Amino acid sequence: MAGKTKITGVKPQFGNARSFSMRATRRKFNPNIQNKRIYVPEINDFVQVRITVSELKTIDKIGLQAFLDRRGVTLKSLIGN
């Protein structure tokens, strides 16, 4: 799944695939981006976001508001999808 996440801006990276003979061909490393609905108790509603699974694990651990504060993103920017 290509694209860019809204919170952290994660996007695909590019590199080389190396064969046994060390011949290089270009390839793309796609991030594991998922569409998720996250409940926000501050607004008593769900917010739909595209995030990576590693971001989702962090949100499960510390909460959405703390994660947004850590990244410098406001909740209002997520709601305006």
Protein backbone atom coordinates (compact mmCIF):
# COMPACT_ATOMS: atom_id res chain seq x y z
CA MET A 1 0.00 0.00 0.00
CA ALA A 2 1.69 3.19 -1.11
CA GLY A 3 1.02 6.67 0.17
CA LYS A 4 1.87 8.73 3.20
CA THR A 5 0.54 8.71 6.75
CA LYS A 6 -1.06 11.87 8.05
CA ILE A 7 0.45 11.90 11.54
CA THR A 8 4.10 11.00 11.00
CA GLY A 9 4.49 11.32 7.22
CA VAL A 10 5.88 7.80 6.75
CA LYS A 11 6.22 6.94 3.05
CA PRO A 12 7.84 4.17 0.99
CA GLN A 13 11.62 3.86 0.95
CA PHE A 14 13.67 2.73 -2.03
CA GLY A 15 16.72 0.49 -2.22
CA ASN A 16 18.30 -2.38 -4.07
CA ALA A 17 17.35 -6.03 -4.28
CA ARG A 18 20.56 -8.05 -4.43
CA SER A 19 20.74 -11.40 -6.17
CA PHE A 20 23.29 -14.12 -5.35
CA SER A 21 25.63 -12.64 -7.96
CA MET A 22 25.20 -9.22 -6.23
CA ARG A 23 23.42 -7.72 -9.25
CA ALA A 24 21.36 -4.75 -8.08
CA THR A 25 17.79 -4.08 -9.16
CA ARG A 26 15.70 -1.28 -7.69
CA ARG A 27 12.90 -2.16 -5.30
CA LYS A 28 10.47 -0.40 -2.98
CA PHE A 29 9.98 -0.99 0.76
CA ASN A 30 6.34 -0.20 1.52
CA PRO A 31 5.31 0.66 5.08
CA ASN A 32 2.55 -1.38 6.69
CA ILE A 33 -0.19 1.28 6.39
CA GLN A 34 -3.68 0.43 7.65
CA ASN A 35 -6.98 2.32 7.74
CA LYS A 36 -8.24 2.40 11.33
CA ARG A 37 -11.07 3.98 13.29
CA ILE A 38 -9.79 5.18 16.65
CA TYR A 39 -12.12 6.25 19.46
CA VAL A 40 -11.32 9.69 20.89
CA PRO A 41 -12.91 10.27 24.31
CA GLU A 42 -12.28 14.04 24.15
CA ILE A 43 -14.80 14.43 21.31
CA ASN A 44 -16.83 11.28 22.12
CA ASP A 45 -16.52 10.02 18.53
CA PHE A 46 -14.37 7.91 16.22
CA VAL A 47 -11.66 9.31 13.94
CA GLN A 48 -10.60 7.45 10.80
CA VAL A 49 -6.85 7.64 10.11
CA ARG A 50 -4.25 5.94 7.92
CA ILE A 51 -1.43 4.85 10.20
CA THR A 52 1.34 2.27 10.26
CA VAL A 53 1.07 -0.72 12.56
CA SER A 54 4.03 0.51 14.63
CA GLU A 55 2.20 3.80 15.20
CA LEU A 56 -0.93 1.84 16.17
CA LYS A 57 1.06 -0.11 18.79
CA THR A 58 2.33 3.15 20.27
CA ILE A 59 -1.19 4.62 20.32
CA ASP A 60 -2.44 1.49 22.12
CA LYS A 61 0.33 1.91 24.67
CA ILE A 62 0.26 5.66 25.45
CA GLY A 63 -3.04 6.84 23.97
CA LEU A 64 -3.93 8.93 20.93
CA GLN A 65 -3.71 12.37 22.54
CA ALA A 66 -0.27 11.69 24.04
CA PHE A 67 0.94 10.35 20.67
CA LEU A 68 -0.33 13.45 18.86
CA ASP A 69 1.31 15.72 21.44
CA ARG A 70 4.59 13.85 21.00
CA ARG A 71 4.40 14.34 17.21
CA GLY A 72 3.22 17.95 17.35
CA VAL A 73 -0.06 17.28 15.53
CA THR A 74 -3.44 18.59 16.64
CA LEU A 75 -6.60 16.53 16.88
CA LYS A 76 -8.40 19.08 14.72
CA SER A 77 -6.10 18.29 11.77
CA LEU A 78 -7.15 14.61 11.94
CA ILE A 79 -10.85 15.40 12.10
CA GLY A 80 -10.75 17.50 8.94
CA ASN A 81 -10.43 14.47 6.62
